Amino acid sequence: RETGDEDWIHRRHQTRRLIPMNKHNIHLQSINAGLK
C-alpha cells in the first residue's frame, strides 16, 4: 500500500529490503487499499 501515513514503515521495509532482491522470486505490486 503506497498511501496513508500509517504505511510509511511498510514502504520503507519494502524499498530497502525487497526491491534489490530479484533473485528471490519477489513480485511487488502496488495497492492503494487495505485488506478490508
ModelCIF file with pLDDT and N, C-alpha, C, O atoms, coordinates in Angstrom:
data_MODEL
#
_entry.id   MODEL 
#
_entity.id                         1 
_entity.type                       polymer 
_entity.pdbx_number_of_molecules   1 
#
_entity_poly.entity_id                      1 
_entity_poly.type                           'polypeptide(L)' 
_entity_poly.nstd_linkage                   no 
_entity_poly.nstd_monomer                   no 
_entity_poly.pdbx_seq_one_letter_code       RETGDEDWIHRRHQTRRLIPMNKHNIHLQSINAGLK 
_entity_poly.pdbx_seq_one_letter_code_can   RETGDEDWIHRRHQTRRLIPMNKHNIHLQSINAGLK 
_entity_poly.pdbx_strand_id                 A 
#
loop_
_entity_poly_seq.entity_id 
_entity_poly_seq.num 
_entity_poly_seq.mon_id 
_entity_poly_seq.hetero 
1 1  ARG n 
1 2  GLU n 
1 3  THR n 
1 4  GLY n 
1 5  ASP n 
1 6  GLU n 
1 7  ASP n 
1 8  TRP n 
1 9  ILE n 
1 10 HIS n 
1 11 ARG n 
1 12 ARG n 
1 13 HIS n 
1 14 GLN n 
1 15 THR n 
1 16 ARG n 
1 17 ARG n 
1 18 LEU n 
1 19 ILE n 
1 20 PRO n 
1 21 MET n 
1 22 ASN n 
1 23 LYS n 
1 24 HIS n 
1 25 ASN n 
1 26 ILE n 
1 27 HIS n 
1 28 LEU n 
1 29 GLN n 
1 30 SER n 
1 31 ILE n 
1 32 ASN n 
1 33 ALA n 
1 34 GLY n 
1 35 LEU n 
1 36 LYS n 
#
_struct_asym.id          A 
_struct_asym.entity_id   1 
#
loop_
_ma_qa_metric.id 
_ma_qa_metric.mode 
_ma_qa_metric.name 
_ma_qa_metric.software_group_id 
_ma_qa_metric.type 
1 global pLDDT . pLDDT 
2 local  pLDDT . pLDDT 
#
_ma_qa_metric_global.metric_id      1 
_ma_qa_metric_global.metric_value   62.67 
_ma_qa_metric_global.model_id       1 
_ma_qa_metric_global.ordinal_id     1 
#
loop_
_ma_qa_metric_local.label_asym_id 
_ma_qa_metric_local.label_comp_id 
_ma_qa_metric_local.label_seq_id 
_ma_qa_metric_local.metric_id 
_ma_qa_metric_local.metric_value 
_ma_qa_metric_local.model_id 
_ma_qa_metric_local.ordinal_id 
A ARG 1  2 69.00 1 1  
A GLU 2  2 63.00 1 2  
A THR 3  2 58.00 1 3  
A GLY 4  2 55.00 1 4  
A ASP 5  2 50.00 1 5  
A GLU 6  2 53.00 1 6  
A ASP 7  2 54.00 1 7  
A TRP 8  2 52.00 1 8  
A ILE 9  2 56.00 1 9  
A HIS 10 2 56.00 1 10 
A ARG 11 2 56.00 1 11 
A ARG 12 2 57.00 1 12 
A HIS 13 2 56.00 1 13 
A GLN 14 2 58.00 1 14 
A THR 15 2 53.00 1 15 
A ARG 16 2 56.00 1 16 
A ARG 17 2 58.00 1 17 
A LEU 18 2 61.00 1 18 
A ILE 19 2 53.00 1 19 
A PRO 20 2 53.00 1 20 
A MET 21 2 55.00 1 21 
A ASN 22 2 51.00 1 22 
A LYS 23 2 53.00 1 23 
A HIS 24 2 59.00 1 24 
A ASN 25 2 73.00 1 25 
A ILE 26 2 76.00 1 26 
A HIS 27 2 75.00 1 27 
A LEU 28 2 74.00 1 28 
A GLN 29 2 76.00 1 29 
A SER 30 2 74.00 1 30 
A ILE 31 2 77.00 1 31 
A ASN 32 2 71.00 1 32 
A ALA 33 2 74.00 1 33 
A GLY 34 2 76.00 1 34 
A LEU 35 2 80.00 1 35 
A LYS 36 2 85.00 1 36 
#
loop_
_atom_site.group_PDB 
_atom_site.id 
_atom_site.type_symbol 
_atom_site.label_atom_id 
_atom_site.label_alt_id 
_atom_site.label_comp_id 
_atom_site.label_asym_id 
_atom_site.label_entity_id 
_atom_site.label_seq_id 
_atom_site.pdbx_PDB_ins_code 
_atom_site.Cartn_x 
_atom_site.Cartn_y 
_atom_site.Cartn_z 
_atom_site.occupancy 
_atom_site.B_iso_or_equiv 
_atom_site.pdbx_formal_charge 
_atom_site.auth_seq_id 
_atom_site.auth_comp_id 
_atom_site.auth_asym_id 
_atom_site.auth_atom_id 
_atom_site.pdbx_PDB_model_num 
ATOM 1   N N  . ARG A 1 1  ? 0.858   -1.178  0.000  1.00 69.00 ? 1  ARG A N  1 
ATOM 2   C CA . ARG A 1 1  ? 0.000   0.000   0.000  1.00 69.00 ? 1  ARG A CA 1 
ATOM 3   C C  . ARG A 1 1  ? 0.896   1.231   0.000  1.00 69.00 ? 1  ARG A C  1 
ATOM 4   O O  . ARG A 1 1  ? 1.817   1.335   0.811  1.00 69.00 ? 1  ARG A O  1 
ATOM 5   N N  . GLU A 1 2  ? 0.630   2.150   -0.897 1.00 63.00 ? 2  GLU A N  1 
ATOM 6   C CA . GLU A 1 2  ? 1.513   3.312   -1.045 1.00 63.00 ? 2  GLU A CA 1 
ATOM 7   C C  . GLU A 1 2  ? 0.911   4.603   -0.541 1.00 63.00 ? 2  GLU A C  1 
ATOM 8   O O  . GLU A 1 2  ? 1.530   5.661   -0.661 1.00 63.00 ? 2  GLU A O  1 
ATOM 9   N N  . THR A 1 3  ? -0.272  4.540   0.017  1.00 58.00 ? 3  THR A N  1 
ATOM 10  C CA . THR A 1 3  ? -0.887  5.752   0.537  1.00 58.00 ? 3  THR A CA 1 
ATOM 11  C C  . THR A 1 3  ? -1.206  5.571   2.002  1.00 58.00 ? 3  THR A C  1 
ATOM 12  O O  . THR A 1 3  ? -1.352  4.448   2.485  1.00 58.00 ? 3  THR A O  1 
ATOM 13  N N  . GLY A 1 4  ? -1.314  6.679   2.705  1.00 55.00 ? 4  GLY A N  1 
ATOM 14  C CA . GLY A 1 4  ? -1.656  6.633   4.115  1.00 55.00 ? 4  GLY A CA 1 
ATOM 15  C C  . GLY A 1 4  ? -0.433  6.759   4.990  1.00 55.00 ? 4  GLY A C  1 
ATOM 16  O O  . GLY A 1 4  ? 0.551   6.043   4.804  1.00 55.00 ? 4  GLY A O  1 
ATOM 17  N N  . ASP A 1 5  ? -0.490  7.659   5.935  1.00 50.00 ? 5  ASP A N  1 
ATOM 18  C CA . ASP A 1 5  ? 0.647   7.893   6.826  1.00 50.00 ? 5  ASP A CA 1 
ATOM 19  C C  . ASP A 1 5  ? 1.026   6.662   7.633  1.00 50.00 ? 5  ASP A C  1 
ATOM 20  O O  . ASP A 1 5  ? 2.195   6.467   7.967  1.00 50.00 ? 5  ASP A O  1 
ATOM 21  N N  . GLU A 1 6  ? 0.025   5.822   7.950  1.00 53.00 ? 6  GLU A N  1 
ATOM 22  C CA . GLU A 1 6  ? 0.302   4.650   8.775  1.00 53.00 ? 6  GLU A CA 1 
ATOM 23  C C  . GLU A 1 6  ? 1.143   3.612   8.051  1.00 53.00 ? 6  GLU A C  1 
ATOM 24  O O  . GLU A 1 6  ? 1.653   2.688   8.685  1.00 53.00 ? 6  GLU A O  1 
ATOM 25  N N  . ASP A 1 7  ? 1.299   3.742   6.749  1.00 54.00 ? 7  ASP A N  1 
ATOM 26  C CA . ASP A 1 7  ? 2.019   2.731   5.987  1.00 54.00 ? 7  ASP A CA 1 
ATOM 27  C C  . ASP A 1 7  ? 3.469   3.102   5.678  1.00 54.00 ? 7  ASP A C  1 
ATOM 28  O O  . ASP A 1 7  ? 4.123   2.409   4.898  1.00 54.00 ? 7  ASP A O  1 
ATOM 29  N N  . TRP A 1 8  ? 3.984   4.182   6.273  1.00 52.00 ? 8  TRP A N  1 
ATOM 30  C CA . TRP A 1 8  ? 5.340   4.606   5.954  1.00 52.00 ? 8  TRP A CA 1 
ATOM 31  C C  . TRP A 1 8  ? 6.366   3.530   6.266  1.00 52.00 ? 8  TRP A C  1 
ATOM 32  O O  . TRP A 1 8  ? 7.303   3.325   5.494  1.00 52.00 ? 8  TRP A O  1 
ATOM 33  N N  . ILE A 1 9  ? 6.200   2.840   7.391  1.00 56.00 ? 9  ILE A N  1 
ATOM 34  C CA . ILE A 1 9  ? 7.212   1.857   7.771  1.00 56.00 ? 9  ILE A CA 1 
ATOM 35  C C  . ILE A 1 9  ? 7.167   0.641   6.848  1.00 56.00 ? 9  ILE A C  1 
ATOM 36  O O  . ILE A 1 9  ? 8.201   0.031   6.574  1.00 56.00 ? 9  ILE A O  1 
ATOM 37  N N  . HIS A 1 10 ? 5.980   0.288   6.370  1.00 56.00 ? 10 HIS A N  1 
ATOM 38  C CA . HIS A 1 10 ? 5.876   -0.821  5.424  1.00 56.00 ? 10 HIS A CA 1 
ATOM 39  C C  . HIS A 1 10 ? 6.586   -0.468  4.111  1.00 56.00 ? 10 HIS A C  1 
ATOM 40  O O  . HIS A 1 10 ? 7.324   -1.286  3.561  1.00 56.00 ? 10 HIS A O  1 
ATOM 41  N N  . ARG A 1 11 ? 6.362   0.731   3.624  1.00 56.00 ? 11 ARG A N  1 
ATOM 42  C CA . ARG A 1 11 ? 7.014   1.157   2.376  1.00 56.00 ? 11 ARG A CA 1 
ATOM 43  C C  . ARG A 1 11 ? 8.527   1.166   2.541  1.00 56.00 ? 11 ARG A C  1 
ATOM 44  O O  . ARG A 1 11 ? 9.254   0.722   1.653  1.00 56.00 ? 11 ARG A O  1 
ATOM 45  N N  . ARG A 1 12 ? 8.998   1.668   3.667  1.00 57.00 ? 12 ARG A N  1 
ATOM 46  C CA . ARG A 1 12 ? 10.433  1.725   3.915  1.00 57.00 ? 12 ARG A CA 1 
ATOM 47  C C  . ARG A 1 12 ? 11.032  0.321   3.910  1.00 57.00 ? 12 ARG A C  1 
ATOM 48  O O  . ARG A 1 12 ? 12.085  0.105   3.310  1.00 57.00 ? 12 ARG A O  1 
ATOM 49  N N  . HIS A 1 13 ? 10.378  -0.637  4.571  1.00 56.00 ? 13 HIS A N  1 
ATOM 50  C CA . HIS A 1 13 ? 10.872  -2.013  4.592  1.00 56.00 ? 13 HIS A CA 1 
ATOM 51  C C  . HIS A 1 13 ? 10.983  -2.559  3.182  1.00 56.00 ? 13 HIS A C  1 
ATOM 52  O O  . HIS A 1 13 ? 12.013  -3.112  2.797  1.00 56.00 ? 13 HIS A O  1 
ATOM 53  N N  . GLN A 1 14 ? 9.921   -2.402  2.423  1.00 58.00 ? 14 GLN A N  1 
ATOM 54  C CA . GLN A 1 14 ? 9.904   -2.986  1.097  1.00 58.00 ? 14 GLN A CA 1 
ATOM 55  C C  . GLN A 1 14 ? 10.908  -2.327  0.179  1.00 58.00 ? 14 GLN A C  1 
ATOM 56  O O  . GLN A 1 14 ? 11.524  -3.003  -0.645 1.00 58.00 ? 14 GLN A O  1 
ATOM 57  N N  . THR A 1 15 ? 11.084  -1.034  0.301  1.00 53.00 ? 15 THR A N  1 
ATOM 58  C CA . THR A 1 15 ? 12.040  -0.327  -0.535 1.00 53.00 ? 15 THR A CA 1 
ATOM 59  C C  . THR A 1 15 ? 13.465  -0.758  -0.197 1.00 53.00 ? 15 THR A C  1 
ATOM 60  O O  . THR A 1 15 ? 14.258  -1.033  -1.097 1.00 53.00 ? 15 THR A O  1 
ATOM 61  N N  . ARG A 1 16 ? 13.792  -0.817  1.079  1.00 56.00 ? 16 ARG A N  1 
ATOM 62  C CA . ARG A 1 16 ? 15.147  -1.147  1.488  1.00 56.00 ? 16 ARG A CA 1 
ATOM 63  C C  . ARG A 1 16 ? 15.484  -2.612  1.327  1.00 56.00 ? 16 ARG A C  1 
ATOM 64  O O  . ARG A 1 16 ? 16.613  -2.950  0.974  1.00 56.00 ? 16 ARG A O  1 
ATOM 65  N N  . ARG A 1 17 ? 14.530  -3.488  1.579  1.00 58.00 ? 17 ARG A N  1 
ATOM 66  C CA . ARG A 1 17 ? 14.837  -4.907  1.657  1.00 58.00 ? 17 ARG A CA 1 
ATOM 67  C C  . ARG A 1 17 ? 14.427  -5.725  0.443  1.00 58.00 ? 17 ARG A C  1 
ATOM 68  O O  . ARG A 1 17 ? 15.157  -6.627  0.032  1.00 58.00 ? 17 ARG A O  1 
ATOM 69  N N  . LEU A 1 18 ? 13.280  -5.427  -0.132 1.00 61.00 ? 18 LEU A N  1 
ATOM 70  C CA . LEU A 1 18 ? 12.754  -6.321  -1.158 1.00 61.00 ? 18 LEU A CA 1 
ATOM 71  C C  . LEU A 1 18 ? 13.129  -5.945  -2.574 1.00 61.00 ? 18 LEU A C  1 
ATOM 72  O O  . LEU A 1 18 ? 13.445  -6.820  -3.381 1.00 61.00 ? 18 LEU A O  1 
ATOM 73  N N  . ILE A 1 19 ? 13.101  -4.675  -2.891 1.00 53.00 ? 19 ILE A N  1 
ATOM 74  C CA . ILE A 1 19 ? 13.337  -4.265  -4.273 1.00 53.00 ? 19 ILE A CA 1 
ATOM 75  C C  . ILE A 1 19 ? 14.683  -4.769  -4.803 1.00 53.00 ? 19 ILE A C  1 
ATOM 76  O O  . ILE A 1 19 ? 14.743  -5.205  -5.952 1.00 53.00 ? 19 ILE A O  1 
ATOM 77  N N  . PRO A 1 20 ? 15.765  -4.727  -4.015 1.00 53.00 ? 20 PRO A N  1 
ATOM 78  C CA . PRO A 1 20 ? 17.044  -5.231  -4.550 1.00 53.00 ? 20 PRO A CA 1 
ATOM 79  C C  . PRO A 1 20 ? 17.140  -6.756  -4.631 1.00 53.00 ? 20 PRO A C  1 
ATOM 80  O O  . PRO A 1 20 ? 18.169  -7.278  -5.059 1.00 53.00 ? 20 PRO A O  1 
ATOM 81  N N  . MET A 1 21 ? 16.090  -7.482  -4.231 1.00 55.00 ? 21 MET A N  1 
ATOM 82  C CA . MET A 1 21 ? 16.220  -8.929  -4.079 1.00 55.00 ? 21 MET A CA 1 
ATOM 83  C C  . MET A 1 21 ? 15.546  -9.722  -5.190 1.00 55.00 ? 21 MET A C  1 
ATOM 84  O O  . MET A 1 21 ? 14.871  -10.708 -4.896 1.00 55.00 ? 21 MET A O  1 
ATOM 85  N N  . ASN A 1 22 ? 15.694  -9.348  -6.412 1.00 51.00 ? 22 ASN A N  1 
ATOM 86  C CA . ASN A 1 22 ? 15.047  -10.050 -7.512 1.00 51.00 ? 22 ASN A CA 1 
ATOM 87  C C  . ASN A 1 22 ? 15.403  -11.532 -7.564 1.00 51.00 ? 22 ASN A C  1 
ATOM 88  O O  . ASN A 1 22 ? 14.634  -12.327 -8.105 1.00 51.00 ? 22 ASN A O  1 
ATOM 89  N N  . LYS A 1 23 ? 16.532  -11.914 -7.022 1.00 53.00 ? 23 LYS A N  1 
ATOM 90  C CA . LYS A 1 23 ? 16.959  -13.313 -7.063 1.00 53.00 ? 23 LYS A CA 1 
ATOM 91  C C  . LYS A 1 23 ? 16.039  -14.234 -6.270 1.00 53.00 ? 23 LYS A C  1 
ATOM 92  O O  . LYS A 1 23 ? 16.110  -15.453 -6.424 1.00 53.00 ? 23 LYS A O  1 
ATOM 93  N N  . HIS A 1 24 ? 15.188  -13.678 -5.436 1.00 59.00 ? 24 HIS A N  1 
ATOM 94  C CA . HIS A 1 24 ? 14.323  -14.488 -4.587 1.00 59.00 ? 24 HIS A CA 1 
ATOM 95  C C  . HIS A 1 24 ? 12.889  -14.585 -5.077 1.00 59.00 ? 24 HIS A C  1 
ATOM 96  O O  . HIS A 1 24 ? 11.981  -14.816 -4.278 1.00 59.00 ? 24 HIS A O  1 
ATOM 97  N N  . ASN A 1 25 ? 12.666  -14.414 -6.372 1.00 73.00 ? 25 ASN A N  1 
ATOM 98  C CA . ASN A 1 25 ? 11.320  -14.565 -6.916 1.00 73.00 ? 25 ASN A CA 1 
ATOM 99  C C  . ASN A 1 25 ? 10.303  -13.683 -6.198 1.00 73.00 ? 25 ASN A C  1 
ATOM 100 O O  . ASN A 1 25 ? 9.214   -14.139 -5.847 1.00 73.00 ? 25 ASN A O  1 
ATOM 101 N N  . ILE A 1 26 ? 10.658  -12.438 -5.985 1.00 76.00 ? 26 ILE A N  1 
ATOM 102 C CA . ILE A 1 26 ? 9.760   -11.497 -5.330 1.00 76.00 ? 26 ILE A CA 1 
ATOM 103 C C  . ILE A 1 26 ? 9.078   -10.656 -6.394 1.00 76.00 ? 26 ILE A C  1 
ATOM 104 O O  . ILE A 1 26 ? 9.729   -10.064 -7.256 1.00 76.00 ? 26 ILE A O  1 
ATOM 105 N N  . HIS A 1 27 ? 7.767   -10.618 -6.318 1.00 75.00 ? 27 HIS A N  1 
ATOM 106 C CA . HIS A 1 27 ? 6.965   -9.838  -7.244 1.00 75.00 ? 27 HIS A CA 1 
ATOM 107 C C  . HIS A 1 27 ? 6.245   -8.768  -6.432 1.00 75.00 ? 27 HIS A C  1 
ATOM 108 O O  . HIS A 1 27 ? 5.380   -9.079  -5.614 1.00 75.00 ? 27 HIS A O  1 
ATOM 109 N N  . LEU A 1 28 ? 6.602   -7.520  -6.658 1.00 74.00 ? 28 LEU A N  1 
ATOM 110 C CA . LEU A 1 28 ? 5.986   -6.414  -5.925 1.00 74.00 ? 28 LEU A CA 1 
ATOM 111 C C  . LEU A 1 28 ? 4.850   -5.830  -6.741 1.00 74.00 ? 28 LEU A C  1 
ATOM 112 O O  . LEU A 1 28 ? 4.968   -5.653  -7.953 1.00 74.00 ? 28 LEU A O  1 
ATOM 113 N N  . GLN A 1 29 ? 3.759   -5.536  -6.075 1.00 76.00 ? 29 GLN A N  1 
ATOM 114 C CA . GLN A 1 29 ? 2.632   -4.894  -6.745 1.00 76.00 ? 29 GLN A CA 1 
ATOM 115 C C  . GLN A 1 29 ? 2.053   -3.840  -5.810 1.00 76.00 ? 29 GLN A C  1 
ATOM 116 O O  . GLN A 1 29 ? 1.865   -4.074  -4.616 1.00 76.00 ? 29 GLN A O  1 
ATOM 117 N N  . SER A 1 30 ? 1.781   -2.695  -6.376 1.00 74.00 ? 30 SER A N  1 
ATOM 118 C CA . SER A 1 30 ? 1.225   -1.601  -5.597 1.00 74.00 ? 30 SER A CA 1 
ATOM 119 C C  . SER A 1 30 ? -0.286  -1.758  -5.449 1.00 74.00 ? 30 SER A C  1 
ATOM 120 O O  . SER A 1 30 ? -0.991  -2.071  -6.409 1.00 74.00 ? 30 SER A O  1 
ATOM 121 N N  . ILE A 1 31 ? -0.760  -1.538  -4.248 1.00 77.00 ? 31 ILE A N  1 
ATOM 122 C CA . ILE A 1 31 ? -2.199  -1.484  -3.994 1.00 77.00 ? 31 ILE A CA 1 
ATOM 123 C C  . ILE A 1 31 ? -2.463  -0.242  -3.177 1.00 77.00 ? 31 ILE A C  1 
ATOM 124 O O  . ILE A 1 31 ? -1.662  0.113   -2.312 1.00 77.00 ? 31 ILE A O  1 
ATOM 125 N N  . ASN A 1 32 ? -3.531  0.401   -3.425 1.00 71.00 ? 32 ASN A N  1 
ATOM 126 C CA . ASN A 1 32 ? -3.882  1.585   -2.636 1.00 71.00 ? 32 ASN A CA 1 
ATOM 127 C C  . ASN A 1 32 ? -5.156  1.315   -1.869 1.00 71.00 ? 32 ASN A C  1 
ATOM 128 O O  . ASN A 1 32 ? -6.117  2.083   -1.916 1.00 71.00 ? 32 ASN A O  1 
ATOM 129 N N  . ALA A 1 33 ? -5.133  0.192   -1.156 1.00 74.00 ? 33 ALA A N  1 
ATOM 130 C CA . ALA A 1 33 ? -6.264  -0.198  -0.331 1.00 74.00 ? 33 ALA A CA 1 
ATOM 131 C C  . ALA A 1 33 ? -5.765  -1.130  0.761  1.00 74.00 ? 33 ALA A C  1 
ATOM 132 O O  . ALA A 1 33 ? -4.758  -1.818  0.591  1.00 74.00 ? 33 ALA A O  1 
ATOM 133 N N  . GLY A 1 34 ? -6.457  -1.149  1.856  1.00 76.00 ? 34 GLY A N  1 
ATOM 134 C CA . GLY A 1 34 ? -6.167  -2.093  2.917  1.00 76.00 ? 34 GLY A CA 1 
ATOM 135 C C  . GLY A 1 34 ? -6.866  -3.417  2.630  1.00 76.00 ? 34 GLY A C  1 
ATOM 136 O O  . GLY A 1 34 ? -7.647  -3.525  1.685  1.00 76.00 ? 34 GLY A O  1 
ATOM 137 N N  . LEU A 1 35 ? -6.580  -4.415  3.446  1.00 80.00 ? 35 LEU A N  1 
ATOM 138 C CA . LEU A 1 35 ? -7.187  -5.729  3.227  1.00 80.00 ? 35 LEU A CA 1 
ATOM 139 C C  . LEU A 1 35 ? -8.709  -5.688  3.290  1.00 80.00 ? 35 LEU A C  1 
ATOM 140 O O  . LEU A 1 35 ? -9.379  -6.351  2.498  1.00 80.00 ? 35 LEU A O  1 
ATOM 141 N N  . LYS A 1 36 ? -9.255  -4.924  4.213  1.00 85.00 ? 36 LYS A N  1 
ATOM 142 C CA . LYS A 1 36 ? -10.714 -4.825  4.319  1.00 85.00 ? 36 LYS A CA 1 
ATOM 143 C C  . LYS A 1 36 ? -11.292 -4.252  3.024  1.00 85.00 ? 36 LYS A C  1 
ATOM 144 O O  . LYS A 1 36 ? -12.506 -4.088  2.909  1.00 85.00 ? 36 LYS A O  1 
#
